[in-house]
Amino acid sequence: MVRIPLEIPSKGIFSGDGETPVASGIPSAARNPALIPKAERDSSSPPAPRNDSQKGYSHSLSGEAKPEQAHISRCDRTLRILLCEENEVSRRLAKRLLEKRGHQIVEASDTVQALEALEGTDGETVDLLLIDLDMSGMDAPETVHALAEKAHSRGKNLPVIAIRDQTPAGEDDDDHAAGVDGCVCHPLRVDDLLEMIHRLPEGRPQVERTSPPSTPPRPSARPRAFDKGRFMTRLDGDKALATEIVGMFLAECPKLMQEVCQAAAGGDLRALERAAHSLKGTASDMAAPEAFEASRALEQIAREGTPGTVRAALASLEGAIQRLLPELQDFHVGVE
């Protein structure tokens, strides 16, 4: 399928610097007036010139690199974000990072809780839906449509940003048809998310998607058990948050591994796929590349229905976890 490069303005419906999205061809009047800062509505000054020499790039769906701000610390006002994520570690990490940037989070561990939040008083104040579309048992188009309809019944035009692991062929079109305005890759990089929120135009011309973090290939070396530097960078160097998240993982990991082992022993490939997926997401949050790769391989085997290779893949995952846990325990003690 041919993809048309889309130039999305560097500032959008949540921006607060008074810039008008001329580059996208979307006039200010086409955007939601309630979300346009008063200074922008009252100003008739032309937009500031764009600095194409800025460092840092994001990618459009066409694969073109385009300039972006090096760091976005917060939007112009506090946003109330409905975060729908089944993985407790991932949900807590995203919540804390967004709160550090001044935003309020309404948590939901599944779509039932998300619908309940939209039906209650939170439905009147939520500005954005951030949802993991790879949650187990989810029909993404049906789920997004149901949540959007519920918000619409409360008089809200709710932007939707999805969290996904990867981008299979055709998924961009499927997400757009489902009502998704943007997509960020797991593990969540909050500055990428906030930059995307700045750029969201009214009218959803095409799904905006960030690129997954690149990792140099290591053909002859085992991936690291724990990448402390990457983990702390992702947490903005916050030692208290690191202690909280690592502590949660150390408590949750045995439960996740038990689910994986029980599904493998019972030959339940569907349950094994779900359990490996959950562990993969948590390992990604922890910057644990070896455990991530091992759980991803096991998830793929379960999805493809090849039970003959489960035992070897499970042994690899168990080894990766055995190497990861002591490093995390030492790290947890060191930062307390």
C-alpha atoms as a PDB file:
ATOM      1  CA  MET A   1       0.000   0.000   0.000  1.00  0.00           C
ATOM      2  CA  VAL A   2       1.347   3.419  -0.969  1.00  0.00           C
ATOM      3  CA  ARG A   3       1.747   5.743   2.004  1.00  0.00           C
ATOM      4  CA  ILE A   4       1.427   9.473   1.459  1.00  0.00           C
ATOM      5  CA  PRO A   5       3.904  11.497   3.543  1.00  0.00           C
ATOM      6  CA  LEU A   6       1.986  13.630   5.982  1.00  0.00           C
ATOM      7  CA  GLU A   7       3.452  16.858   7.343  1.00  0.00           C
ATOM      8  CA  ILE A   8       1.903  17.259  10.770  1.00  0.00           C
ATOM      9  CA  PRO A   9       2.444  20.572  12.552  1.00  0.00           C
ATOM     10  CA  SER A  10       4.940  20.640  15.377  1.00  0.00           C
ATOM     11  CA  LYS A  11       2.175  22.052  17.565  1.00  0.00           C
ATOM     12  CA  GLY A  12      -1.467  21.001  17.621  1.00  0.00           C
ATOM     13  CA  ILE A  13      -4.624  20.975  19.673  1.00  0.00           C
ATOM     14  CA  PHE A  14      -2.850  20.886  23.036  1.00  0.00           C
ATOM     15  CA  SER A  15      -0.116  23.378  22.157  1.00  0.00           C
ATOM     16  CA  GLY A  16       0.271  26.566  24.092  1.00  0.00           C
ATOM     17  CA  ASP A  17       2.783  28.676  22.197  1.00  0.00           C
ATOM     18  CA  GLY A  18       0.355  30.460  19.884  1.00  0.00           C
ATOM     19  CA  GLU A  19       1.614  28.800  16.702  1.00  0.00           C
ATOM     20  CA  THR A  20      -0.988  28.224  13.987  1.00  0.00           C
ATOM     21  CA  PRO A  21      -0.775  24.912  12.111  1.00  0.00           C
ATOM     22  CA  VAL A  22      -0.346  26.463   8.672  1.00  0.00           C
ATOM     23  CA  ALA A  23       1.967  23.714   7.412  1.00  0.00           C
ATOM     24  CA  SER A  24      -0.744  21.065   7.693  1.00  0.00           C
ATOM     25  CA  GLY A  25      -3.368  23.117   5.910  1.00  0.00           C
ATOM     26  CA  ILE A  26      -5.639  22.859   8.944  1.00  0.00           C
ATOM     27  CA  PRO A  27      -6.862  26.290  10.056  1.00  0.00           C
ATOM     28  CA  SER A  28      -7.302  27.075  13.730  1.00  0.00           C
ATOM     29  CA  ALA A  29     -11.061  27.205  13.272  1.00  0.00           C
ATOM     30  CA  ALA A  30     -11.052  23.535  12.292  1.00  0.00           C
ATOM     31  CA  ARG A  31      -9.630  22.546  15.625  1.00  0.00           C
ATOM     32  CA  ASN A  32     -11.537  22.057  18.853  1.00  0.00           C
ATOM     33  CA  PRO A  33     -11.951  25.652  20.158  1.00  0.00           C
ATOM     34  CA  ALA A  34     -12.060  24.479  23.754  1.00  0.00           C
ATOM     35  CA  LEU A  35      -8.531  23.149  23.444  1.00  0.00           C
ATOM     36  CA  ILE A  36      -7.004  26.193  21.721  1.00  0.00           C
ATOM     37  CA  PRO A  37      -5.217  28.469  24.227  1.00  0.00           C
ATOM     38  CA  LYS A  38      -6.801  31.914  24.609  1.00  0.00           C
ATOM     39  CA  ALA A  39      -3.545  33.613  23.632  1.00  0.00           C
ATOM     40  CA  GLU A  40      -3.683  31.852  20.282  1.00  0.00           C
ATOM     41  CA  ARG A  41      -7.330  32.708  19.685  1.00  0.00           C
ATOM     42  CA  ASP A  42      -6.657  36.374  20.411  1.00  0.00           C
ATOM     43  CA  SER A  43      -3.429  36.607  18.458  1.00  0.00           C
ATOM     44  CA  SER A  44      -3.221  37.472  14.772  1.00  0.00           C
ATOM     45  CA  SER A  45       0.560  37.279  14.567  1.00  0.00           C
ATOM     46  CA  PRO A  46       2.065  34.910  11.969  1.00  0.00           C
ATOM     47  CA  PRO A  47       3.569  31.589  13.105  1.00  0.00           C
ATOM     48  CA  ALA A  48       7.168  31.518  14.221  1.00  0.00           C
ATOM     49  CA  PRO A  49       9.577  30.282  11.548  1.00  0.00           C
ATOM     50  CA  ARG A  50      10.413  26.613  11.790  1.00  0.00           C
ATOM     51  CA  ASN A  51      13.968  25.715  12.710  1.00  0.00           C
ATOM     52  CA  ASP A  52      14.887  22.715  10.556  1.00  0.00           C
ATOM     53  CA  SER A  53      18.321  22.503  12.123  1.00  0.00           C
ATOM     54  CA  GLN A  54      16.940  21.172  15.410  1.00  0.00           C
ATOM     55  CA  LYS A  55      18.452  17.943  16.613  1.00  0.00           C
ATOM     56  CA  GLY A  56      16.237  14.910  17.145  1.00  0.00           C
ATOM     57  CA  TYR A  57      13.845  13.298  14.688  1.00  0.00           C
ATOM     58  CA  SER A  58      10.579  11.444  14.730  1.00  0.00           C
ATOM     59  CA  HIS A  59       9.227   9.498  11.779  1.00  0.00           C
ATOM     60  CA  SER A  60       6.048   9.806   9.763  1.00  0.00           C
ATOM     61  CA  LEU A  61       4.298   6.707   8.467  1.00  0.00           C
ATOM     62  CA  SER A  62       6.137   7.141   5.188  1.00  0.00           C
ATOM     63  CA  GLY A  63       9.448   6.632   6.989  1.00  0.00           C
ATOM     64  CA  GLU A  64      10.637  10.200   6.403  1.00  0.00           C
ATOM     65  CA  ALA A  65      12.610  11.780   9.206  1.00  0.00           C
ATOM     66  CA  LYS A  66      11.352  15.161  10.320  1.00  0.00           C
ATOM     67  CA  PRO A  67      12.595  17.629  12.929  1.00  0.00           C
ATOM     68  CA  GLU A  68      11.107  17.599  16.390  1.00  0.00           C
ATOM     69  CA  GLN A  69      11.740  19.349  19.657  1.00  0.00           C
ATOM     70  CA  ALA A  70      14.536  17.804  21.663  1.00  0.00           C
ATOM     71  CA  HIS A  71      12.485  17.686  24.872  1.00  0.00           C
ATOM     72  CA  ILE A  72       8.839  18.340  25.697  1.00  0.00           C
ATOM     73  CA  SER A  73       8.381  18.637  29.436  1.00  0.00           C
ATOM     74  CA  ARG A  74       4.648  19.367  29.600  1.00  0.00           C
ATOM     75  CA  CYS A  75       1.682  20.638  27.602  1.00  0.00           C
ATOM     76  CA  ASP A  76       0.296  24.127  28.140  1.00  0.00           C
ATOM     77  CA  ARG A  77      -2.212  22.840  30.689  1.00  0.00           C
ATOM     78  CA  THR A  78      -2.850  19.805  32.834  1.00  0.00           C
ATOM     79  CA  LEU A  79      -4.445  16.980  30.858  1.00  0.00           C
ATOM     80  CA  ARG A  80      -6.626  14.262  32.344  1.00  0.00           C
ATOM     81  CA  ILE A  81      -5.582  11.084  30.552  1.00  0.00           C
ATOM     82  CA  LEU A  82      -7.532   7.822  30.697  1.00  0.00           C
ATOM     83  CA  LEU A  83      -4.807   5.156  30.699  1.00  0.00           C
ATOM     84  CA  CYS A  84      -6.051   1.672  29.789  1.00  0.00           C
ATOM     85  CA  GLU A  85      -3.263  -0.892  30.307  1.00  0.00           C
ATOM     86  CA  GLU A  86      -3.589  -4.400  31.762  1.00  0.00           C
ATOM     87  CA  ASN A  87       0.062  -4.767  32.788  1.00  0.00           C
ATOM     88  CA  GLU A  88       0.392  -3.348  36.294  1.00  0.00           C
ATOM     89  CA  VAL A  89       4.098  -2.476  36.017  1.00  0.00           C
ATOM     90  CA  SER A  90       3.634  -0.778  32.632  1.00  0.00           C
ATOM     91  CA  ARG A  91       0.586   1.113  33.897  1.00  0.00           C
ATOM     92  CA  ARG A  92       2.334   2.325  37.037  1.00  0.00           C
ATOM     93  CA  LEU A  93       5.410   3.438  35.096  1.00  0.00           C
ATOM     94  CA  ALA A  94       3.380   5.369  32.520  1.00  0.00           C
ATOM     95  CA  LYS A  95       1.274   6.950  35.273  1.00  0.00           C
ATOM     96  CA  ARG A  96       4.293   8.133  37.262  1.00  0.00           C
ATOM     97  CA  LEU A  97       6.115   9.540  34.243  1.00  0.00           C
ATOM     98  CA  LEU A  98       3.060  11.460  33.041  1.00  0.00           C
ATOM     99  CA  GLU A  99       2.376  12.762  36.550  1.00  0.00           C
ATOM    100  CA  LYS A 100       5.975  14.006  36.749  1.00  0.00           C
ATOM    101  CA  ARG A 101       5.161  16.165  33.721  1.00  0.00           C
ATOM    102  CA  GLY A 102       2.099  17.658  35.388  1.00  0.00           C
ATOM    103  CA  HIS A 103      -0.756  15.530  34.057  1.00  0.00           C
ATOM    104  CA  GLN A 104      -3.530  13.647  35.848  1.00  0.00           C
ATOM    105  CA  ILE A 105      -4.142   9.959  35.181  1.00  0.00           C
ATOM    106  CA  VAL A 106      -7.363   7.955  35.401  1.00  0.00           C
ATOM    107  CA  GLU A 107      -6.343   4.283  35.525  1.00  0.00           C
ATOM    108  CA  ALA A 108      -8.116   1.318  33.949  1.00  0.00           C
ATOM    109  CA  SER A 109      -6.749  -2.227  33.840  1.00  0.00           C
ATOM    110  CA  ASP A 110      -9.167  -3.324  31.110  1.00  0.00           C
ATOM    111  CA  THR A 111     -11.811  -1.969  28.767  1.00  0.00           C
ATOM    112  CA  VAL A 112     -14.604  -2.624  31.259  1.00  0.00           C
ATOM    113  CA  GLN A 113     -12.977  -0.277  33.761  1.00  0.00           C
ATOM    114  CA  ALA A 114     -12.325   2.252  30.973  1.00  0.00           C
ATOM    115  CA  LEU A 115     -16.020   2.250  30.031  1.00  0.00           C
ATOM    116  CA  GLU A 116     -16.968   2.637  33.686  1.00  0.00           C
ATOM    117  CA  ALA A 117     -14.641   5.629  33.993  1.00  0.00           C
ATOM    118  CA  LEU A 118     -16.229   7.267  30.950  1.00  0.00           C
ATOM    119  CA  GLU A 119     -19.706   6.585  32.320  1.00  0.00           C
ATOM    120  CA  GLY A 120     -18.839   8.207  35.668  1.00  0.00           C
ATOM    121  CA  THR A 121     -17.700  11.696  36.544  1.00  0.00           C
ATOM    122  CA  ASP A 122     -14.307  11.099  34.895  1.00  0.00           C
ATOM    123  CA  GLY A 123     -16.093  10.888  31.549  1.00  0.00           C
ATOM    124  CA  GLU A 124     -16.829  14.607  31.730  1.00  0.00           C
ATOM    125  CA  THR A 125     -13.213  15.643  32.324  1.00  0.00           C
ATOM    126  CA  VAL A 126     -11.008  13.188  30.410  1.00  0.00           C
ATOM    127  CA  ASP A 127      -9.047  14.871  27.598  1.00  0.00           C
ATOM    128  CA  LEU A 128      -7.324  11.881  26.006  1.00  0.00           C
ATOM    129  CA  LEU A 129      -7.510   8.075  25.861  1.00  0.00           C
ATOM    130  CA  LEU A 130      -4.160   6.246  25.972  1.00  0.00           C
ATOM    131  CA  ILE A 131      -4.788   2.539  25.424  1.00  0.00           C
ATOM    132  CA  ASP A 132      -2.705  -0.593  24.902  1.00  0.00           C
ATOM    133  CA  LEU A 133      -4.268  -2.196  21.827  1.00  0.00           C
ATOM    134  CA  ASP A 134      -2.260  -5.400  22.305  1.00  0.00           C
ATOM    135  CA  MET A 135      -4.082  -6.370  25.501  1.00  0.00           C
ATOM    136  CA  SER A 136      -5.136 -10.013  25.645  1.00  0.00           C
ATOM    137  CA  GLY A 137      -8.470 -10.884  24.066  1.00  0.00           C
ATOM    138  CA  MET A 138      -9.004  -7.393  22.666  1.00  0.00           C
ATOM    139  CA  ASP A 139     -10.806  -6.628  19.430  1.00  0.00           C
ATOM    140  CA  ALA A 140      -9.091  -3.290  18.792  1.00  0.00           C
ATOM    141  CA  PRO A 141     -11.607  -1.678  16.368  1.00  0.00           C
ATOM    142  CA  GLU A 142     -14.605  -2.741  18.461  1.00  0.00           C
ATOM    143  CA  THR A 143     -12.978  -1.563  21.698  1.00  0.00           C
ATOM    144  CA  VAL A 144     -11.922   1.857  20.413  1.00  0.00           C
ATOM    145  CA  HIS A 145     -15.334   2.388  18.800  1.00  0.00           C
ATOM    146  CA  ALA A 146     -17.156   1.516  22.037  1.00  0.00           C
ATOM    147  CA  LEU A 147     -14.978   3.856  24.118  1.00  0.00           C
ATOM    148  CA  ALA A 148     -15.279   6.693  21.604  1.00  0.00           C
ATOM    149  CA  GLU A 149     -19.056   6.273  21.463  1.00  0.00           C
ATOM    150  CA  LYS A 150     -19.270   6.354  25.244  1.00  0.00           C
ATOM    151  CA  ALA A 151     -17.222   9.578  25.328  1.00  0.00           C
ATOM    152  CA  HIS A 152     -19.364  11.060  22.547  1.00  0.00           C
ATOM    153  CA  SER A 153     -22.502  10.336  24.571  1.00  0.00           C
ATOM    154  CA  ARG A 154     -20.988  12.546  27.300  1.00  0.00           C
ATOM    155  CA  GLY A 155     -20.384  15.340  24.797  1.00  0.00           C
ATOM    156  CA  LYS A 156     -16.665  14.619  24.403  1.00  0.00           C
ATOM    157  CA  ASN A 157     -14.669  14.277  21.184  1.00  0.00           C
ATOM    158  CA  LEU A 158     -11.968  12.072  22.696  1.00  0.00           C
ATOM    159  CA  PRO A 159      -8.586  11.774  20.931  1.00  0.00           C
ATOM    160  CA  VAL A 160      -7.218   8.212  21.048  1.00  0.00           C
ATOM    161  CA  ILE A 161      -3.542   7.273  21.158  1.00  0.00           C
ATOM    162  CA  ALA A 162      -2.689   3.581  21.041  1.00  0.00           C
ATOM    163  CA  ILE A 163       0.288   1.785  22.551  1.00  0.00           C
ATOM    164  CA  ARG A 164       1.511  -1.091  20.391  1.00  0.00           C
ATOM    165  CA  ASP A 165       4.505  -3.408  20.366  1.00  0.00           C
ATOM    166  CA  GLN A 166       5.229  -3.381  16.650  1.00  0.00           C
ATOM    167  CA  THR A 167       3.650  -2.277  13.376  1.00  0.00           C
ATOM    168  CA  PRO A 168       2.492  -5.273  11.280  1.00  0.00           C
ATOM    169  CA  ALA A 169       1.696  -4.585   7.646  1.00  0.00           C
ATOM    170  CA  GLY A 170      -1.675  -2.892   7.246  1.00  0.00           C
ATOM    171  CA  GLU A 171      -2.031  -2.082  10.943  1.00  0.00           C
ATOM    172  CA  ASP A 172      -1.782   1.683  10.353  1.00  0.00           C
ATOM    173  CA  ASP A 173      -4.869   1.569   8.142  1.00  0.00           C
ATOM    174  CA  ASP A 174      -6.670  -0.706  10.609  1.00  0.00           C
ATOM    175  CA  ASP A 175      -5.912   1.638  13.524  1.00  0.00           C
ATOM    176  CA  HIS A 176      -7.089   4.663  11.551  1.00  0.00           C
ATOM    177  CA  ALA A 177     -10.311   2.911  10.589  1.00  0.00           C
ATOM    178  CA  ALA A 178     -10.834   1.985  14.243  1.00  0.00           C
ATOM    179  CA  GLY A 179     -10.645   5.633  15.303  1.00  0.00           C
ATOM    180  CA  VAL A 180      -7.042   5.844  16.504  1.00  0.00           C
ATOM    181  CA  ASP A 181      -5.394   9.259  16.126  1.00  0.00           C
ATOM    182  CA  GLY A 182      -1.830   8.243  16.948  1.00  0.00           C
ATOM    183  CA  CYS A 183       0.292   5.317  18.018  1.00  0.00           C
ATOM    184  CA  VAL A 184       3.359   5.085  20.256  1.00  0.00           C
ATOM    185  CA  CYS A 185       5.566   2.032  20.517  1.00  0.00           C
ATOM    186  CA  HIS A 186       6.195   0.049  23.661  1.00  0.00           C
ATOM    187  CA  PRO A 187       8.083   0.752  25.903  1.00  0.00           C
ATOM    188  CA  LEU A 188       6.371   4.104  26.305  1.00  0.00           C
ATOM    189  CA  ARG A 189       8.630   7.123  25.841  1.00  0.00           C
ATOM    190  CA  VAL A 190       6.690   9.935  27.454  1.00  0.00           C
ATOM    191  CA  ASP A 191       8.378  12.775  25.588  1.00  0.00           C
ATOM    192  CA  ASP A 192       7.425  11.124  22.274  1.00  0.00           C
ATOM    193  CA  LEU A 193       3.850  10.842  23.532  1.00  0.00           C
ATOM    194  CA  LEU A 194       3.687  14.487  24.591  1.00  0.00           C
ATOM    195  CA  GLU A 195       5.204  15.612  21.291  1.00  0.00           C
ATOM    196  CA  MET A 196       2.522  13.612  19.484  1.00  0.00           C
ATOM    197  CA  ILE A 197      -0.191  15.227  21.609  1.00  0.00           C
ATOM    198  CA  HIS A 198       1.150  18.651  20.612  1.00  0.00           C
ATOM    199  CA  ARG A 199       0.879  17.709  16.945  1.00  0.00           C
ATOM    200  CA  LEU A 200      -2.565  16.102  16.944  1.00  0.00           C
ATOM    201  CA  PRO A 201      -4.715  17.952  14.392  1.00  0.00           C
ATOM    202  CA  GLU A 202      -8.491  17.956  14.273  1.00  0.00           C
ATOM    203  CA  GLY A 203      -9.894  15.653  11.617  1.00  0.00           C
ATOM    204  CA  ARG A 204      -7.527  12.667  11.898  1.00  0.00           C
ATOM    205  CA  PRO A 205      -6.103  12.704   8.347  1.00  0.00           C
ATOM    206  CA  GLN A 206      -3.770   9.773   9.061  1.00  0.00           C
ATOM    207  CA  VAL A 207      -2.464   7.853  12.055  1.00  0.00           C
ATOM    208  CA  GLU A 208       0.709   9.388  13.454  1.00  0.00           C
ATOM    209  CA  ARG A 209       3.161   6.785  14.741  1.00  0.00           C
ATOM    210  CA  THR A 210       6.463   6.927  16.572  1.00  0.00           C
ATOM    211  CA  SER A 211       9.313   4.592  15.747  1.00  0.00           C
ATOM    212  CA  PRO A 212      10.368   1.888  18.208  1.00  0.00           C
ATOM    213  CA  PRO A 213      13.714   2.463  19.917  1.00  0.00           C
ATOM    214  CA  SER A 214      16.559   1.096  17.828  1.00  0.00           C
ATOM    215  CA  THR A 215      18.962  -1.417  19.323  1.00  0.00           C
ATOM    216  CA  PRO A 216      22.218  -2.264  17.541  1.00  0.00           C
ATOM    217  CA  PRO A 217      22.257  -5.950  16.558  1.00  0.00           C
ATOM    218  CA  ARG A 218      24.451  -8.291  18.558  1.00  0.00           C
ATOM    219  CA  PRO A 219      24.834 -11.342  16.331  1.00  0.00           C
ATOM    220  CA  SER A 220      27.459 -13.119  18.454  1.00  0.00           C
ATOM    221  CA  ALA A 221      26.695 -11.887  21.968  1.00  0.00           C
ATOM    222  CA  ARG A 222      23.939 -12.605  24.431  1.00  0.00           C
ATOM    223  CA  PRO A 223      21.775  -9.520  25.126  1.00  0.00           C
ATOM    224  CA  ARG A 224      22.354  -7.849  28.453  1.00  0.00           C
ATOM    225  CA  ALA A 225      20.283  -9.012  31.396  1.00  0.00           C
ATOM    226  CA  PHE A 226      19.667  -5.456  32.623  1.00  0.00           C
ATOM    227  CA  ASP A 227      20.550  -2.170  30.921  1.00  0.00           C
ATOM    228  CA  LYS A 228      20.784   0.114  33.932  1.00  0.00           C
ATOM    229  CA  GLY A 229      21.705   3.207  31.903  1.00  0.00           C
ATOM    230  CA  ARG A 230      18.747   2.898  29.553  1.00  0.00           C
ATOM    231  CA  PHE A 231      16.399   2.175  32.440  1.00  0.00           C
ATOM    232  CA  MET A 232      17.465   5.240  34.426  1.00  0.00           C
ATOM    233  CA  THR A 233      17.358   7.456  31.330  1.00  0.00           C
ATOM    234  CA  ARG A 234      13.779   6.328  30.691  1.00  0.00           C
ATOM    235  CA  LEU A 235      12.929   7.321  34.276  1.00  0.00           C
ATOM    236  CA  ASP A 236      14.656  10.724  34.005  1.00  0.00           C
ATOM    237  CA  GLY A 237      17.181   9.557  36.595  1.00  0.00           C
ATOM    238  CA  ASP A 238      14.472   9.377  39.289  1.00  0.00           C
ATOM    239  CA  LYS A 239      15.870   6.956  41.892  1.00  0.00           C
ATOM    240  CA  ALA A 240      12.679   6.885  43.956  1.00  0.00           C
ATOM    241  CA  LEU A 241      10.657   5.897  40.895  1.00  0.00           C
ATOM    242  CA  ALA A 242      13.298   3.312  39.954  1.00  0.00           C
ATOM    243  CA  THR A 243      13.014   1.757  43.408  1.00  0.00           C
ATOM    244  CA  GLU A 244       9.221   1.606  43.110  1.00  0.00           C
ATOM    245  CA  ILE A 245       9.169   0.068  39.617  1.00  0.00           C
ATOM    246  CA  VAL A 246      11.931  -2.465  40.259  1.00  0.00           C
ATOM    247  CA  GLY A 247      10.228  -3.485  43.505  1.00  0.00           C
ATOM    248  CA  MET A 248       6.973  -4.042  41.606  1.00  0.00           C
ATOM    249  CA  PHE A 249       8.741  -6.148  38.989  1.00  0.00           C
ATOM    250  CA  LEU A 250      10.488  -8.292  41.610  1.00  0.00           C
ATOM    251  CA  ALA A 251       7.079  -8.980  43.168  1.00  0.00           C
ATOM    252  CA  GLU A 252       5.256  -9.582  39.872  1.00  0.00           C
ATOM    253  CA  CYS A 253       7.859 -11.593  37.955  1.00  0.00           C
ATOM    254  CA  PRO A 254       7.360 -14.900  39.841  1.00  0.00           C
ATOM    255  CA  LYS A 255       3.607 -14.674  39.193  1.00  0.00           C
ATOM    256  CA  LEU A 256       4.149 -13.980  35.499  1.00  0.00           C
ATOM    257  CA  MET A 257       6.614 -16.865  35.173  1.00  0.00           C
ATOM    258  CA  GLN A 258       4.186 -19.177  36.943  1.00  0.00           C
ATOM    259  CA  GLU A 259       1.497 -18.301  34.390  1.00  0.00           C
ATOM    260  CA  VAL A 260       3.942 -18.988  31.558  1.00  0.00           C
ATOM    261  CA  CYS A 261       5.021 -22.357  32.991  1.00  0.00           C
ATOM    262  CA  GLN A 262       1.468 -23.496  33.740  1.00  0.00           C
ATOM    263  CA  ALA A 263       0.302 -22.643  30.222  1.00  0.00           C
ATOM    264  CA  ALA A 264       3.299 -24.458  28.713  1.00  0.00           C
ATOM    265  CA  ALA A 265       2.797 -27.537  30.903  1.00  0.00           C
ATOM    266  CA  GLY A 266      -0.887 -27.688  29.986  1.00  0.00           C
ATOM    267  CA  GLY A 267      -0.239 -27.239  26.275  1.00  0.00           C
ATOM    268  CA  ASP A 268      -2.517 -24.192  26.205  1.00  0.00           C
ATOM    269  CA  LEU A 269      -0.875 -22.157  23.444  1.00  0.00           C
ATOM    270  CA  ARG A 270      -3.393 -19.318  23.634  1.00  0.00           C
ATOM    271  CA  ALA A 271      -2.781 -18.846  27.358  1.00  0.00           C
ATOM    272  CA  LEU A 272       0.961 -19.202  26.759  1.00  0.00           C
ATOM    273  CA  GLU A 273       0.876 -16.444  24.161  1.00  0.00           C
ATOM    274  CA  ARG A 274      -0.937 -14.093  26.556  1.00  0.00           C
ATOM    275  CA  ALA A 275       1.388 -14.887  29.470  1.00  0.00           C
ATOM    276  CA  ALA A 276       4.543 -14.474  27.381  1.00  0.00           C
ATOM    277  CA  HIS A 277       3.171 -11.202  26.011  1.00  0.00           C
ATOM    278  CA  SER A 278       2.641  -9.832  29.523  1.00  0.00           C
ATOM    279  CA  LEU A 279       6.141 -10.822  30.575  1.00  0.00           C
ATOM    280  CA  LYS A 280       7.575  -9.341  27.394  1.00  0.00           C
ATOM    281  CA  GLY A 281       5.966  -5.971  28.085  1.00  0.00           C
ATOM    282  CA  THR A 282       7.259  -5.915  31.637  1.00  0.00           C
ATOM    283  CA  ALA A 283      10.773  -6.893  30.542  1.00  0.00           C
ATOM    284  CA  SER A 284      10.679  -4.084  28.003  1.00  0.00           C
ATOM    285  CA  ASP A 285       9.735  -1.580  30.713  1.00  0.00           C
ATOM    286  CA  MET A 286      12.639  -2.835  32.835  1.00  0.00           C
ATOM    287  CA  ALA A 287      15.194  -2.429  30.014  1.00  0.00           C
ATOM    288  CA  ALA A 288      15.898  -6.169  30.249  1.00  0.00           C
ATOM    289  CA  PRO A 289      16.770  -7.078  26.637  1.00  0.00           C
ATOM    290  CA  GLU A 290      17.590 -10.758  27.191  1.00  0.00           C
ATOM    291  CA  ALA A 291      14.309 -11.503  28.966  1.00  0.00           C
ATOM    292  CA  PHE A 292      12.454  -9.403  26.394  1.00  0.00           C
ATOM    293  CA  GLU A 293      13.892 -11.346  23.451  1.00  0.00           C
ATOM    294  CA  ALA A 294      13.276 -14.704  25.149  1.00  0.00           C
ATOM    295  CA  SER A 295       9.653 -13.899  26.010  1.00  0.00           C
ATOM    296  CA  ARG A 296       9.056 -12.497  22.531  1.00  0.00           C
ATOM    297  CA  ALA A 297      10.371 -15.718  20.973  1.00  0.00           C
ATOM    298  CA  LEU A 298       8.103 -17.803  23.205  1.00  0.00           C
ATOM    299  CA  GLU A 299       5.111 -15.595  22.392  1.00  0.00           C
ATOM    300  CA  GLN A 300       5.790 -16.014  18.667  1.00  0.00           C
ATOM    301  CA  ILE A 301       6.050 -19.802  18.988  1.00  0.00           C
ATOM    302  CA  ALA A 302       2.726 -19.940  20.831  1.00  0.00           C
ATOM    303  CA  ARG A 303       1.073 -17.663  18.266  1.00  0.00           C
ATOM    304  CA  GLU A 304       2.294 -19.772  15.340  1.00  0.00           C
ATOM    305  CA  GLY A 305       1.130 -22.977  17.025  1.00  0.00           C
ATOM    306  CA  THR A 306       4.442 -24.852  17.045  1.00  0.00           C
ATOM    307  CA  PRO A 307       4.434 -26.693  20.399  1.00  0.00           C
ATOM    308  CA  GLY A 308       7.489 -28.785  19.532  1.00  0.00           C
ATOM    309  CA  THR A 309       9.799 -25.817  20.206  1.00  0.00           C
ATOM    310  CA  VAL A 310       8.119 -24.562  23.391  1.00  0.00           C
ATOM    311  CA  ARG A 311      10.396 -26.473  25.759  1.00  0.00           C
ATOM    312  CA  ALA A 312      13.625 -24.989  24.380  1.00  0.00           C
ATOM    313  CA  ALA A 313      12.159 -21.470  24.263  1.00  0.00           C
ATOM    314  CA  LEU A 314      10.882 -21.798  27.825  1.00  0.00           C
ATOM    315  CA  ALA A 315      14.329 -22.918  29.000  1.00  0.00           C
ATOM    316  CA  SER A 316      15.854 -19.829  27.376  1.00  0.00           C
ATOM    317  CA  LEU A 317      13.330 -17.593  29.112  1.00  0.00           C
ATOM    318  CA  GLU A 318      13.945 -19.224  32.494  1.00  0.00           C
ATOM    319  CA  GLY A 319      17.684 -18.696  32.068  1.00  0.00           C
ATOM    320  CA  ALA A 320      17.195 -15.055  31.147  1.00  0.00           C
ATOM    321  CA  ILE A 321      15.021 -14.441  34.209  1.00  0.00           C
ATOM    322  CA  GLN A 322      17.530 -16.240  36.461  1.00  0.00           C
ATOM    323  CA  ARG A 323      20.245 -13.876  35.245  1.00  0.00           C
ATOM    324  CA  LEU A 324      18.008 -10.802  35.474  1.00  0.00           C
ATOM    325  CA  LEU A 325      16.648 -11.122  38.999  1.00  0.00           C
ATOM    326  CA  PRO A 326      19.987 -10.950  40.886  1.00  0.00           C
ATOM    327  CA  GLU A 327      20.984  -7.828  38.942  1.00  0.00           C
ATOM    328  CA  LEU A 328      17.675  -6.148  39.724  1.00  0.00           C
ATOM    329  CA  GLN A 329      17.884  -7.158  43.371  1.00  0.00           C
ATOM    330  CA  ASP A 330      21.379  -5.649  43.651  1.00  0.00           C
ATOM    331  CA  PHE A 331      20.181  -2.518  41.868  1.00  0.00           C
ATOM    332  CA  HIS A 332      17.135  -2.242  44.132  1.00  0.00           C
ATOM    333  CA  VAL A 333      19.284  -2.441  47.255  1.00  0.00           C
ATOM    334  CA  GLY A 334      21.755   0.063  45.829  1.00  0.00           C
ATOM    335  CA  VAL A 335      19.219   2.796  45.093  1.00  0.00           C
ATOM    336  CA  GLU A 336      17.170   2.461  48.295  1.00  0.00           C
END
